[in-house]
PDB file of N, CA and C in Angstrom:
ATOM      1  N   MET A   1      95.627  67.619 136.114  1.00  0.00           N
ATOM      2  CA  MET A   1      95.771  68.060 134.745  1.00  0.00           C
ATOM      3  C   MET A   1      97.171  68.921 134.076  1.00  0.00           C
ATOM      4  N   ASN A   2      97.480  68.372 133.488  1.00  0.00           N
ATOM      5  CA  ASN A   2      98.700  68.375 132.707  1.00  0.00           C
ATOM      6  C   ASN A   2      98.783  69.399 131.516  1.00  0.00           C
ATOM      7  N   ALA A   3      99.699  70.271 131.553  1.00  0.00           N
ATOM      8  CA  ALA A   3      99.340  71.196 129.966  1.00  0.00           C
ATOM      9  C   ALA A   3     100.201  70.607 129.251  1.00  0.00           C
ATOM     10  N   ARG A   4     100.717  69.616 129.413  1.00  0.00           N
ATOM     11  CA  ARG A   4     101.154  68.881 128.186  1.00  0.00           C
ATOM     12  C   ARG A   4     100.171  68.346 127.272  1.00  0.00           C
ATOM     13  N   ASP A   5      98.968  67.356 128.183  1.00  0.00           N
ATOM     14  CA  ASP A   5      97.679  66.640 128.019  1.00  0.00           C
ATOM     15  C   ASP A   5      97.025  67.479 127.123  1.00  0.00           C
ATOM     16  N   THR A   6      97.187  68.674 127.383  1.00  0.00           N
ATOM     17  CA  THR A   6      96.002  69.673 126.753  1.00  0.00           C
ATOM     18  C   THR A   6      96.031  69.648 125.333  1.00  0.00           C
ATOM     19  N   GLU A   7      95.165  69.658 124.495  1.00  0.00           N
ATOM     20  CA  GLU A   7      94.969  69.721 122.982  1.00  0.00           C
ATOM     21  C   GLU A   7      93.999  70.813 122.428  1.00  0.00           C
ATOM     22  N   PHE A   8      94.721  71.646 121.986  1.00  0.00           N
ATOM     23  CA  PHE A   8      94.405  73.089 121.417  1.00  0.00           C
ATOM     24  C   PHE A   8      93.789  72.730 119.979  1.00  0.00           C
ATOM     25  N   PRO A   9      92.741  73.083 119.949  1.00  0.00           N
ATOM     26  CA  PRO A   9      92.023  72.707 118.682  1.00  0.00           C
ATOM     27  C   PRO A   9      92.372  74.054 117.543  1.00  0.00           C
ATOM     28  N   ILE A  10      93.350  73.358 116.972  1.00  0.00           N
ATOM     29  CA  ILE A  10      93.779  74.441 115.959  1.00  0.00           C
ATOM     30  C   ILE A  10      93.821  73.969 114.365  1.00  0.00           C
ATOM     31  N   SER A  11      93.079  74.369 113.328  1.00  0.00           N
ATOM     32  CA  SER A  11      92.605  73.827 112.029  1.00  0.00           C
ATOM     33  C   SER A  11      93.454  74.648 111.118  1.00  0.00           C
ATOM     34  N   ASP A  12      93.944  73.435 110.529  1.00  0.00           N
ATOM     35  CA  ASP A  12      94.856  73.861 109.074  1.00  0.00           C
ATOM     36  C   ASP A  12      94.403  75.304 108.716  1.00  0.00           C
ATOM     37  N   LYS A  13      93.582  75.699 108.579  1.00  0.00           N
ATOM     38  CA  LYS A  13      92.447  76.825 107.710  1.00  0.00           C
ATOM     39  C   LYS A  13      93.651  78.337 108.790  1.00  0.00           C
ATOM     40  N   ASP A  14      93.287  77.747 110.007  1.00  0.00           N
ATOM     41  CA  ASP A  14      93.801  78.932 110.931  1.00  0.00           C
ATOM     42  C   ASP A  14      95.452  78.947 110.841  1.00  0.00           C
ATOM     43  N   ARG A  15      95.881  77.858 110.832  1.00  0.00           N
ATOM     44  CA  ARG A  15      97.636  77.867 110.935  1.00  0.00           C
ATOM     45  C   ARG A  15      97.647  78.474 109.895  1.00  0.00           C
ATOM     46  N   SER A  16      97.177  78.671 108.247  1.00  0.00           N
ATOM     47  CA  SER A  16      97.794  79.109 107.372  1.00  0.00           C
ATOM     48  C   SER A  16      97.840  80.157 107.308  1.00  0.00           C
ATOM     49  N   THR A  17      96.456  81.081 107.760  1.00  0.00           N
ATOM     50  CA  THR A  17      96.196  82.118 107.951  1.00  0.00           C
ATOM     51  C   THR A  17      97.405  83.042 108.827  1.00  0.00           C
ATOM     52  N   SER A  18      97.604  82.112 110.278  1.00  0.00           N
ATOM     53  CA  SER A  18      98.567  82.916 110.891  1.00  0.00           C
ATOM     54  C   SER A  18     100.142  82.614 110.301  1.00  0.00           C
ATOM     55  N   ASP A  19      99.900  81.647 109.311  1.00  0.00           N
ATOM     56  CA  ASP A  19     101.742  81.509 108.258  1.00  0.00           C
ATOM     57  C   ASP A  19     101.826  82.839 107.547  1.00  0.00           C
ATOM     58  N   MET A  20     100.345  83.430 107.009  1.00  0.00           N
ATOM     59  CA  MET A  20     100.115  84.213 105.909  1.00  0.00           C
ATOM     60  C   MET A  20     100.601  85.641 106.161  1.00  0.00           C
ATOM     61  N   ALA A  21     100.369  85.787 107.703  1.00  0.00           N
ATOM     62  CA  ALA A  21     100.327  86.919 108.651  1.00  0.00           C
ATOM     63  C   ALA A  21     101.523  87.318 109.071  1.00  0.00           C
ATOM     64  N   TRP A  22     102.294  86.376 109.485  1.00  0.00           N
ATOM     65  CA  TRP A  22     103.570  86.034 109.900  1.00  0.00           C
ATOM     66  C   TRP A  22     104.424  86.394 108.728  1.00  0.00           C
ATOM     67  N   ARG A  23     104.032  85.838 107.614  1.00  0.00           N
ATOM     68  CA  ARG A  23     105.426  86.245 106.563  1.00  0.00           C
ATOM     69  C   ARG A  23     105.087  87.180 105.897  1.00  0.00           C
ATOM     70  N   SER A  24     103.798  88.031 106.223  1.00  0.00           N
ATOM     71  CA  SER A  24     103.803  89.383 105.467  1.00  0.00           C
ATOM     72  C   SER A  24     104.508  90.441 106.433  1.00  0.00           C
ATOM     73  N   VAL A  25     104.382  90.376 107.964  1.00  0.00           N
ATOM     74  CA  VAL A  25     105.463  91.091 108.828  1.00  0.00           C
ATOM     75  C   VAL A  25     106.835  90.447 108.365  1.00  0.00           C
ATOM     76  N   SER A  26     106.972  89.542 108.165  1.00  0.00           N
ATOM     77  CA  SER A  26     108.496  89.583 107.802  1.00  0.00           C
ATOM     78  C   SER A  26     109.108  89.979 106.353  1.00  0.00           C
ATOM     79  N   TYR A  27     108.243  89.946 105.472  1.00  0.00           N
ATOM     80  CA  TYR A  27     108.835  90.603 103.943  1.00  0.00           C
ATOM     81  C   TYR A  27     108.607  92.196 104.406  1.00  0.00           C
ATOM     82  N   LEU A  28     107.629  92.857 105.028  1.00  0.00           N
ATOM     83  CA  LEU A  28     107.648  94.123 105.607  1.00  0.00           C
ATOM     84  C   LEU A  28     109.108  94.566 105.982  1.00  0.00           C
ATOM     85  N   THR A  29     109.538  93.871 107.502  1.00  0.00           N
ATOM     86  CA  THR A  29     110.799  94.028 107.919  1.00  0.00           C
ATOM     87  C   THR A  29     111.984  93.678 107.468  1.00  0.00           C
ATOM     88  N   ALA A  30     112.144  92.554 106.518  1.00  0.00           N
ATOM     89  CA  ALA A  30     113.223  92.395 105.831  1.00  0.00           C
ATOM     90  C   ALA A  30     113.498  93.678 104.633  1.00  0.00           C
ATOM     91  N   GLY A  31     112.437  93.856 104.142  1.00  0.00           N
ATOM     92  CA  GLY A  31     112.431  94.895 103.113  1.00  0.00           C
ATOM     93  C   GLY A  31     113.140  96.249 103.510  1.00  0.00           C
ATOM     94  N   ILE A  32     112.014  96.860 104.595  1.00  0.00           N
ATOM     95  CA  ILE A  32     112.905  97.511 105.053  1.00  0.00           C
ATOM     96  C   ILE A  32     113.868  97.708 105.293  1.00  0.00           C
ATOM     97  N   LEU A  33     114.774  96.867 106.278  1.00  0.00           N
ATOM     98  CA  LEU A  33     115.970  96.640 106.762  1.00  0.00           C
ATOM     99  C   LEU A  33     116.820  96.470 105.518  1.00  0.00           C
ATOM    100  N   PHE A  34     116.770  95.910 104.804  1.00  0.00           N
ATOM    101  CA  PHE A  34     117.580  95.327 103.866  1.00  0.00           C
ATOM    102  C   PHE A  34     117.900  96.460 102.716  1.00  0.00           C
ATOM    103  N   TYR A  35     116.624  97.438 101.884  1.00  0.00           N
ATOM    104  CA  TYR A  35     116.659  98.260 101.136  1.00  0.00           C
ATOM    105  C   TYR A  35     116.966  99.557 101.680  1.00  0.00           C
ATOM    106  N   GLY A  36     116.431 100.014 103.268  1.00  0.00           N
ATOM    107  CA  GLY A  36     116.985 101.375 103.878  1.00  0.00           C
ATOM    108  C   GLY A  36     118.824 100.859 104.246  1.00  0.00           C
ATOM    109  N   GLY A  37     119.194 100.019 104.433  1.00  0.00           N
ATOM    110  CA  GLY A  37     120.302  99.440 104.749  1.00  0.00           C
ATOM    111  C   GLY A  37     120.938  99.824 103.019  1.00  0.00           C
ATOM    112  N   ILE A  38     121.135  99.305 102.610  1.00  0.00           N
ATOM    113  CA  ILE A  38     121.622 100.022 100.931  1.00  0.00           C
ATOM    114  C   ILE A  38     121.697 100.843 100.524  1.00  0.00           C
ATOM    115  N   GLY A  39     120.366 101.854 101.175  1.00  0.00           N
ATOM    116  CA  GLY A  39     120.403 103.492 101.082  1.00  0.00           C
ATOM    117  C   GLY A  39     121.312 103.790 101.647  1.00  0.00           C
ATOM    118  N   TRP A  40     121.259 103.525 102.806  1.00  0.00           N
ATOM    119  CA  TRP A  40     122.351 104.048 103.696  1.00  0.00           C
ATOM    120  C   TRP A  40     123.626 103.768 103.273  1.00  0.00           C
ATOM    121  N   LEU A  41     123.955 102.766 103.146  1.00  0.00           N
ATOM    122  CA  LEU A  41     125.551 102.527 102.185  1.00  0.00           C
ATOM    123  C   LEU A  41     125.870 103.365 101.240  1.00  0.00           C
ATOM    124  N   LEU A  42     125.139 103.423 100.188  1.00  0.00           N
ATOM    125  CA  LEU A  42     124.498 104.588  99.213  1.00  0.00           C
ATOM    126  C   LEU A  42     124.771 106.054  99.612  1.00  0.00           C
ATOM    127  N   GLY A  43     124.013 106.159 100.597  1.00  0.00           N
ATOM    128  CA  GLY A  43     124.006 107.695 100.907  1.00  0.00           C
ATOM    129  C   GLY A  43     125.441 107.933 101.727  1.00  0.00           C
ATOM    130  N   LYS A  44     126.112 107.030 102.535  1.00  0.00           N
ATOM    131  CA  LYS A  44     127.324 107.116 103.100  1.00  0.00           C
ATOM    132  C   LYS A  44     128.493 107.462 102.082  1.00  0.00           C
ATOM    133  N   TYR A  45     128.164 106.424 100.653  1.00  0.00           N
ATOM    134  CA  TYR A  45     129.078 106.944  99.536  1.00  0.00           C
ATOM    135  C   TYR A  45     129.277 108.075  98.950  1.00  0.00           C
ATOM    136  N   PHE A  46     127.760 108.190  98.328  1.00  0.00           N
ATOM    137  CA  PHE A  46     127.270 109.764  97.747  1.00  0.00           C
ATOM    138  C   PHE A  46     127.280 111.167  98.612  1.00  0.00           C
ATOM    139  N   GLY A  47     126.977 110.935 100.168  1.00  0.00           N
ATOM    140  CA  GLY A  47     127.279 112.208 100.629  1.00  0.00           C
ATOM    141  C   GLY A  47     125.811 112.572 101.197  1.00  0.00           C
ATOM    142  N   HIS A  48     124.428 111.977 100.160  1.00  0.00           N
ATOM    143  CA  HIS A  48     122.933 112.507 100.398  1.00  0.00           C
ATOM    144  C   HIS A  48     122.403 111.139 101.691  1.00  0.00           C
ATOM    145  N   GLN A  49     122.960 110.917 102.803  1.00  0.00           N
ATOM    146  CA  GLN A  49     122.651 109.453 103.327  1.00  0.00           C
ATOM    147  C   GLN A  49     120.928 109.595 103.963  1.00  0.00           C
ATOM    148  N   SER A  50     120.190 110.788 104.339  1.00  0.00           N
ATOM    149  CA  SER A  50     118.894 110.671 104.477  1.00  0.00           C
ATOM    150  C   SER A  50     118.088 110.328 103.429  1.00  0.00           C
ATOM    151  N   ALA A  51     118.598 110.849 102.197  1.00  0.00           N
ATOM    152  CA  ALA A  51     117.587 111.190 100.730  1.00  0.00           C
ATOM    153  C   ALA A  51     117.498 109.497 100.137  1.00  0.00           C
ATOM    154  N   PHE A  52     118.881 108.914 100.332  1.00  0.00           N
ATOM    155  CA  PHE A  52     118.998 107.520  99.654  1.00  0.00           C
ATOM    156  C   PHE A  52     118.533 106.724 100.683  1.00  0.00           C
ATOM    157  N   MET A  53     118.420 107.091 102.077  1.00  0.00           N
ATOM    158  CA  MET A  53     117.904 106.061 103.081  1.00  0.00           C
ATOM    159  C   MET A  53     116.281 105.679 103.105  1.00  0.00           C
ATOM    160  N   ALA A  54     115.829 107.484 102.862  1.00  0.00           N
ATOM    161  CA  ALA A  54     114.255 107.503 102.709  1.00  0.00           C
ATOM    162  C   ALA A  54     113.819 106.192 101.206  1.00  0.00           C
ATOM    163  N   VAL A  55     114.563 106.812 100.521  1.00  0.00           N
ATOM    164  CA  VAL A  55     114.230 105.909  98.740  1.00  0.00           C
ATOM    165  C   VAL A  55     114.415 104.563  98.914  1.00  0.00           C
ATOM    166  N   GLY A  56     115.319 103.981 100.026  1.00  0.00           N
ATOM    167  CA  GLY A  56     115.587 102.559  99.896  1.00  0.00           C
ATOM    168  C   GLY A  56     114.482 102.322 100.708  1.00  0.00           C
ATOM    169  N   VAL A  57     114.171 102.762 102.046  1.00  0.00           N
ATOM    170  CA  VAL A  57     112.810 102.286 103.139  1.00  0.00           C
ATOM    171  C   VAL A  57     111.675 102.234 102.387  1.00  0.00           C
ATOM    172  N   ILE A  58     111.109 103.300 101.186  1.00  0.00           N
ATOM    173  CA  ILE A  58     110.409 103.331 100.243  1.00  0.00           C
ATOM    174  C   ILE A  58     109.849 102.123  99.808  1.00  0.00           C
ATOM    175  N   LEU A  59     110.949 101.899  98.731  1.00  0.00           N
ATOM    176  CA  LEU A  59     111.600 100.849  97.673  1.00  0.00           C
ATOM    177  C   LEU A  59     111.274  99.578  98.658  1.00  0.00           C
ATOM    178  N   GLY A  60     111.944  99.373  99.452  1.00  0.00           N
ATOM    179  CA  GLY A  60     111.707  98.077 100.475  1.00  0.00           C
ATOM    180  C   GLY A  60     110.411  97.809 100.674  1.00  0.00           C
ATOM    181  N   ILE A  61     109.385  98.634 101.465  1.00  0.00           N
ATOM    182  CA  ILE A  61     108.237  98.982 101.249  1.00  0.00           C
ATOM    183  C   ILE A  61     107.671  98.618 100.610  1.00  0.00           C
ATOM    184  N   SER A  62     107.449  99.169  99.339  1.00  0.00           N
ATOM    185  CA  SER A  62     106.484  98.887  98.144  1.00  0.00           C
ATOM    186  C   SER A  62     107.135  97.590  97.371  1.00  0.00           C
ATOM    187  N   LEU A  63     108.330  96.940  97.508  1.00  0.00           N
ATOM    188  CA  LEU A  63     108.580  95.580  96.887  1.00  0.00           C
ATOM    189  C   LEU A  63     108.154  94.588  98.035  1.00  0.00           C
ATOM    190  N   ALA A  64     107.803  94.970  99.541  1.00  0.00           N
ATOM    191  CA  ALA A  64     107.273  93.796 100.239  1.00  0.00           C
ATOM    192  C   ALA A  64     105.820  93.546 100.029  1.00  0.00           C
ATOM    193  N   LEU A  65     105.466  95.059  99.883  1.00  0.00           N
ATOM    194  CA  LEU A  65     103.641  94.830  99.551  1.00  0.00           C
ATOM    195  C   LEU A  65     103.530  94.060  98.405  1.00  0.00           C
ATOM    196  N   TYR A  66     104.263  94.468  97.413  1.00  0.00           N
ATOM    197  CA  TYR A  66     103.932  93.956  96.192  1.00  0.00           C
ATOM    198  C   TYR A  66     104.154  92.338  95.901  1.00  0.00           C
ATOM    199  N   LEU A  67     105.156  91.465  96.851  1.00  0.00           N
ATOM    200  CA  LEU A  67     105.377  90.056  96.959  1.00  0.00           C
ATOM    201  C   LEU A  67     104.117  89.575  98.103  1.00  0.00           C
ATOM    202  N   THR A  68     103.698  90.621  98.972  1.00  0.00           N
ATOM    203  CA  THR A  68     102.833  90.027  99.885  1.00  0.00           C
ATOM    204  C   THR A  68     101.473  89.826  98.651  1.00  0.00           C
ATOM    205  N   TYR A  69     101.190  90.863  98.212  1.00  0.00           N
ATOM    206  CA  TYR A  69      99.858  90.780  97.349  1.00  0.00           C
ATOM    207  C   TYR A  69      99.774  89.523  95.987  1.00  0.00           C
ATOM    208  N   ALA A  70     101.309  89.783  95.789  1.00  0.00           N
ATOM    209  CA  ALA A  70     101.058  88.582  94.723  1.00  0.00           C
ATOM    210  C   ALA A  70     101.070  86.911  95.359  1.00  0.00           C
ATOM    211  N   ARG A  71     101.784  86.796  96.411  1.00  0.00           N
ATOM    212  CA  ARG A  71     101.405  85.540  97.128  1.00  0.00           C
ATOM    213  C   ARG A  71      99.830  85.316  97.596  1.00  0.00           C
ATOM    214  N   VAL A  72      99.355  85.908  97.983  1.00  0.00           N
ATOM    215  CA  VAL A  72      98.231  86.048  98.603  1.00  0.00           C
ATOM    216  C   VAL A  72      97.275  85.979  97.303  1.00  0.00           C
ATOM    217  N   SER A  73      97.413  86.731  96.334  1.00  0.00           N
ATOM    218  CA  SER A  73      96.289  86.292  95.137  1.00  0.00           C
ATOM    219  C   SER A  73      96.479  84.959  94.548  1.00  0.00           C
ATOM    220  N   PHE A  74      98.046  84.827  94.363  1.00  0.00           N
ATOM    221  CA  PHE A  74      98.116  83.297  93.992  1.00  0.00           C
ATOM    222  C   PHE A  74      97.388  82.107  94.761  1.00  0.00           C
ATOM    223  N   LEU A  75      97.412  82.412  96.128  1.00  0.00           N
ATOM    224  CA  LEU A  75      96.932  81.368  97.044  1.00  0.00           C
ATOM    225  C   LEU A  75      95.458  81.718  96.258  1.00  0.00           C
ATOM    226  N   GLU A  76      95.019  82.450  96.764  1.00  0.00           N
ATOM    227  CA  GLU A  76      93.416  82.471  96.705  1.00  0.00           C
ATOM    228  C   GLU A  76      92.913  82.076  94.878  1.00  0.00           C
ATOM    229  N   ARG A  77      93.806  82.120  94.248  1.00  0.00           N
ATOM    230  CA  ARG A  77      93.567  81.899  92.946  1.00  0.00           C
ATOM    231  C   ARG A  77      93.773  80.128  92.599  1.00  0.00           C
ATOM    232  N   ASP A  78      95.000  79.719  93.161  1.00  0.00           N
ATOM    233  CA  ASP A  78      94.978  78.550  93.631  1.00  0.00           C
ATOM    234  C   ASP A  78      93.870  77.455  93.986  1.00  0.00           C
ATOM    235  N   ALA A  79      93.304  78.469  95.095  1.00  0.00           N
ATOM    236  CA  ALA A  79      92.307  77.724  95.546  1.00  0.00           C
ATOM    237  C   ALA A  79      90.754  77.216  95.465  1.00  0.00           C
ATOM    238  N   THR A  80      90.474  78.858  94.212  1.00  0.00           N
ATOM    239  CA  THR A  80      89.812  78.526  93.211  1.00  0.00           C
ATOM    240  C   THR A  80      89.652  77.563  92.378  1.00  0.00           C
ATOM    241  N   THR A  81      90.455  77.450  91.608  1.00  0.00           N
ATOM    242  CA  THR A  81      90.640  76.738  90.547  1.00  0.00           C
ATOM    243  C   THR A  81      90.554  74.837  91.245  1.00  0.00           C
ATOM    244  N   SER A  82      91.536  75.092  92.459  1.00  0.00           N
ATOM    245  CA  SER A  82      91.145  73.429  93.066  1.00  0.00           C
ATOM    246  C   SER A  82      89.766  73.134  93.172  1.00  0.00           C
ATOM    247  N   ASP A  83      89.113  74.183  93.817  1.00  0.00           N
ATOM    248  CA  ASP A  83      87.582  74.082  94.085  1.00  0.00           C
ATOM    249  C   ASP A  83      86.739  73.764  93.173  1.00  0.00           C
ATOM    250  N   LEU A  84      87.267  74.490  92.159  1.00  0.00           N
ATOM    251  CA  LEU A  84      86.701  73.972  90.552  1.00  0.00           C
ATOM    252  C   LEU A  84      86.887  72.697  90.069  1.00  0.00           C
ATOM    253  N   ARG A  85      88.179  71.688  90.355  1.00  0.00           N
ATOM    254  CA  ARG A  85      88.042  70.455  90.008  1.00  0.00           C
ATOM    255  C   ARG A  85      87.393  69.543  90.939  1.00  0.00           C
ATOM    256  N   LYS A  86      87.412  70.081  91.881  1.00  0.00           N
ATOM    257  CA  LYS A  86      86.893  68.400  92.803  1.00  0.00           C
ATOM    258  C   LYS A  86      85.288  68.130  92.176  1.00  0.00           C
ATOM    259  N   PRO A  87      84.927  67.213  92.382  1.00  0.00           N
ATOM    260  CA  PRO A  87      83.484  66.401  91.682  1.00  0.00           C
ATOM    261  C   PRO A  87      82.782  66.793  92.753  1.00  0.00           C
ATOM    262  N   PRO A  88      81.330  67.498  92.130  1.00  0.00           N
ATOM    263  CA  PRO A  88      80.102  67.409  93.286  1.00  0.00           C
ATOM    264  C   PRO A  88      79.993  66.345  94.106  1.00  0.00           C
ATOM    265  N   GLN A  89      79.532  66.554  95.655  1.00  0.00           N
ATOM    266  CA  GLN A  89      79.392  65.614  96.206  1.00  0.00           C
ATOM    267  C   GLN A  89      77.924  64.983  96.537  1.00  0.00           C
TER     268      GLN A  89
END
């Protein structure tokens, strides 16, 4: 039996859950790196590197969590309204 011939049962729901999990991890990582980097640069310029970097990291985490929450609530709201539009079977 060849590994290429093996089919793995992955549903669309499992795939979307996995995509959503990786997307939230990516948002958190990008937010920390981007805003932490901006804070580091501002700290180098103004002379308070640790304070600006801490504020940048906290801001990045906060914005990433908000973006994740907004996307998940939008997807749940879309799924709920689309279920209401389907005719009963």
